[in-house]
Amino acid sequence: WPLGPEPGAQMAPHIQVAPYSLAMFHGTDGQPLDWNALANGVRWADIVIVGGGPVGAVQGALLARSTAFKDSKIVLLERDLPSDTDSFDARTELRVFALSRASERICRAADVWAALEALPDATCAYQRMHVWPADSVPRGAGSLTFDAAELGEPDLGHIVANGALQRAALAALRRAG
């Protein structure tokens, strides 16, 4: 980048509230880099991830751990970051992900999976899944059934609460620096 933070600036996580919460960085003077600097073409990040939901947060954690991006400044933009003090109960979460075993491996590589396993009721393995077209009846024409036993696997993946995945991924991103 032709422009960057002031020489000697220490990059440290910071949350700035504007119209959006911005998981951002600040310099040694303690002042956050702001939206105006970005709008005026000041470039102070190598990678900007727009959206800090589960997918963006896992992507950020994965990139932060990658040796290919070890010297990169990664910025995660999110309008509505959950606070560390927000109460969360995975058992009442209405939004969930059905993560495949491949997605589990990605979460493990991003250091997200251990945090998920530590949360009570955040994950639940599934062994079978039946899907059908919206305009059809269950087990009717066009339906498919997947079964871990047929594949010789212990499960097909895990059902994971949206909030649990986001919090675990954001924590992994923070740990990665």
Protein backbone atom coordinates (compact mmCIF):
# COMPACT_ATOMS: atom_id res chain seq x y z
CA TRP A 1 0.00 0.00 0.00
CA PRO A 2 1.31 3.47 -0.76
CA LEU A 3 -0.04 4.84 2.55
CA GLY A 4 -0.28 3.27 5.97
CA PRO A 5 -0.42 4.01 9.68
CA GLU A 6 2.02 6.55 11.07
CA PRO A 7 5.56 5.19 11.46
CA GLY A 8 5.94 3.31 14.74
CA ALA A 9 2.19 2.90 15.24
CA GLN A 10 1.30 -0.15 17.29
CA MET A 11 -1.63 -2.04 15.89
CA ALA A 12 -4.05 -3.11 18.60
CA PRO A 13 -7.72 -4.15 18.47
CA HIS A 14 -10.23 -1.37 18.97
CA ILE A 15 -13.98 -1.16 18.59
CA GLN A 16 -15.25 2.12 17.20
CA VAL A 17 -18.91 3.02 17.20
CA ALA A 18 -20.13 5.07 14.28
CA PRO A 19 -23.12 4.08 12.24
CA TYR A 20 -21.43 0.69 12.53
CA SER A 21 -19.30 -1.04 15.09
CA LEU A 22 -15.89 -1.39 13.58
CA ALA A 23 -13.41 -3.94 14.81
CA MET A 24 -10.54 -1.66 13.97
CA PHE A 25 -7.07 -0.62 14.96
CA HIS A 26 -5.54 2.47 16.51
CA GLY A 27 -2.07 4.02 16.56
CA THR A 28 0.29 4.71 19.44
CA ASP A 29 -1.54 7.96 20.21
CA GLY A 30 -4.60 5.91 21.20
CA GLN A 31 -6.82 7.60 18.61
CA PRO A 32 -8.78 5.22 16.42
CA LEU A 33 -8.34 5.32 12.70
CA ASP A 34 -11.66 6.55 11.40
CA TRP A 35 -14.12 6.28 8.53
CA ASN A 36 -13.00 9.64 7.11
CA ALA A 37 -9.46 8.34 6.63
CA LEU A 38 -10.84 5.36 4.72
CA ALA A 39 -13.14 7.58 2.65
CA ASN A 40 -10.23 9.88 1.79
CA GLY A 41 -8.17 7.02 0.43
CA VAL A 42 -5.88 6.39 3.40
CA ARG A 43 -5.10 2.71 3.30
CA TRP A 44 -4.21 1.17 6.62
CA ALA A 45 -5.16 -2.45 6.09
CA ASP A 46 -4.05 -5.22 3.80
CA ILE A 47 -7.25 -7.27 4.14
CA VAL A 48 -10.71 -5.90 4.91
CA ILE A 49 -13.46 -8.38 5.70
CA VAL A 50 -16.92 -6.84 5.43
CA GLY A 51 -19.22 -8.68 7.81
CA GLY A 52 -18.25 -10.09 11.18
CA GLY A 53 -20.90 -12.75 11.36
CA PRO A 54 -19.85 -16.38 11.65
CA VAL A 55 -18.45 -16.66 8.11
CA GLY A 56 -16.51 -13.38 8.16
CA ALA A 57 -15.18 -14.01 11.68
CA VAL A 58 -14.03 -17.55 10.82
CA GLN A 59 -12.40 -16.20 7.65
CA GLY A 60 -10.60 -13.54 9.69
CA ALA A 61 -9.39 -16.06 12.27
CA LEU A 62 -8.20 -18.41 9.52
CA LEU A 63 -6.32 -15.64 7.69
CA ALA A 64 -4.79 -14.34 10.93
CA ARG A 65 -3.34 -17.80 11.63
CA SER A 66 -2.06 -18.33 8.10
CA THR A 67 1.69 -17.95 7.63
CA ALA A 68 0.96 -16.52 4.17
CA PHE A 69 -0.67 -13.49 5.83
CA LYS A 70 1.45 -13.23 9.01
CA ASP A 71 2.52 -9.64 8.30
CA SER A 72 -0.88 -8.53 7.01
CA LYS A 73 -3.13 -6.09 8.81
CA ILE A 74 -6.60 -7.66 8.84
CA VAL A 75 -9.64 -5.50 9.51
CA LEU A 76 -13.09 -6.90 10.27
CA LEU A 77 -16.04 -4.57 9.70
CA GLU A 78 -19.27 -5.45 11.49
CA ARG A 79 -22.35 -3.39 12.22
CA ASP A 80 -23.50 -5.35 15.26
CA LEU A 81 -20.70 -7.07 17.18
CA PRO A 82 -21.88 -8.99 20.25
CA SER A 83 -20.26 -7.76 23.44
CA ASP A 84 -18.39 -10.12 25.73
CA THR A 85 -21.03 -9.47 28.37
CA ASP A 86 -24.04 -10.34 26.20
CA SER A 87 -25.84 -13.32 27.64
CA PHE A 88 -26.13 -16.23 25.25
CA ASP A 89 -27.95 -19.53 25.43
CA ALA A 90 -27.32 -21.90 22.51
CA ARG A 91 -30.42 -23.90 23.41
CA THR A 92 -32.71 -20.98 22.52
CA GLU A 93 -30.82 -19.79 19.43
CA LEU A 94 -33.17 -19.83 16.44
CA ARG A 95 -30.50 -19.46 13.75
CA VAL A 96 -28.23 -22.47 13.29
CA PHE A 97 -25.68 -23.80 10.82
CA ALA A 98 -25.38 -27.41 9.67
CA LEU A 99 -21.59 -27.60 9.45
CA SER A 100 -20.13 -30.44 7.44
CA ARG A 101 -17.05 -32.33 8.56
CA ALA A 102 -15.05 -30.24 6.09
CA SER A 103 -16.35 -27.04 7.73
CA GLU A 104 -15.40 -28.51 11.12
CA ARG A 105 -11.82 -28.96 9.84
CA ILE A 106 -11.77 -25.31 8.72
CA CYS A 107 -13.01 -24.24 12.17
CA ARG A 108 -10.30 -26.37 13.80
CA ALA A 109 -7.62 -24.75 11.60
CA ALA A 110 -8.94 -21.31 12.59
CA ASP A 111 -8.83 -22.29 16.32
CA VAL A 112 -12.61 -21.89 16.57
CA TRP A 113 -13.68 -25.48 17.25
CA ALA A 114 -12.20 -25.85 20.74
CA ALA A 115 -14.10 -22.77 21.91
CA LEU A 116 -17.31 -24.18 20.42
CA GLU A 117 -16.84 -27.48 22.21
CA ALA A 118 -16.33 -25.59 25.49
CA LEU A 119 -19.72 -23.85 25.18
CA PRO A 120 -22.57 -25.87 26.69
CA ASP A 121 -25.07 -27.10 24.09
CA ALA A 122 -23.38 -25.11 21.29
CA THR A 123 -22.91 -28.09 18.97
CA CYS A 124 -24.85 -31.25 18.26
CA ALA A 125 -23.62 -33.96 15.89
CA TYR A 126 -26.04 -35.18 13.24
CA GLN A 127 -25.87 -38.60 11.62
CA ARG A 128 -28.62 -38.34 9.02
CA MET A 129 -30.19 -35.58 6.96
CA HIS A 130 -33.19 -35.67 4.69
CA VAL A 131 -33.84 -32.82 2.24
CA TRP A 132 -36.58 -32.25 -0.32
CA PRO A 133 -37.70 -29.52 -2.72
CA ALA A 134 -39.93 -26.82 -1.24
CA ASP A 135 -42.70 -27.67 -3.70
CA SER A 136 -42.66 -31.38 -2.82
CA VAL A 137 -43.64 -33.55 0.11
CA PRO A 138 -41.03 -35.02 2.48
CA ARG A 139 -39.61 -38.29 1.15
CA GLY A 140 -41.35 -37.58 -2.16
CA ALA A 141 -39.93 -37.11 -5.65
CA GLY A 142 -36.61 -35.29 -5.66
CA SER A 143 -35.85 -35.89 -1.98
CA LEU A 144 -32.42 -36.98 -0.79
CA THR A 145 -31.27 -38.76 2.35
CA PHE A 146 -27.70 -38.60 3.62
CA ASP A 147 -26.54 -41.12 6.24
CA ALA A 148 -23.17 -41.17 8.02
CA ALA A 149 -23.36 -44.94 8.53
CA GLU A 150 -23.49 -45.46 4.76
CA LEU A 151 -20.28 -43.44 4.50
CA GLY A 152 -18.58 -45.21 7.38
CA GLU A 153 -18.34 -41.95 9.34
CA PRO A 154 -19.41 -41.25 12.93
CA ASP A 155 -21.48 -38.25 11.80
CA LEU A 156 -22.13 -35.95 8.86
CA GLY A 157 -21.27 -32.83 10.80
CA HIS A 158 -22.65 -30.66 13.58
CA ILE A 159 -25.55 -28.31 14.06
CA VAL A 160 -24.06 -25.15 15.56
CA ALA A 161 -25.86 -22.13 16.97
CA ASN A 162 -25.21 -18.95 14.97
CA GLY A 163 -24.33 -16.88 18.05
CA ALA A 164 -21.99 -19.54 19.42
CA LEU A 165 -20.11 -19.80 16.12
CA GLN A 166 -19.81 -16.02 15.80
CA ARG A 167 -18.57 -15.57 19.38
CA ALA A 168 -16.08 -18.45 19.12
CA ALA A 169 -14.76 -17.14 15.78
CA LEU A 170 -14.42 -13.56 17.07
CA ALA A 171 -12.57 -14.86 20.13
CA ALA A 172 -10.24 -16.89 17.86
CA LEU A 173 -9.59 -13.78 15.76
CA ARG A 174 -8.75 -11.77 18.89
CA ARG A 175 -6.40 -14.52 20.14
CA ALA A 176 -4.64 -14.56 16.77
CA GLY A 177 -3.83 -10.89 17.22
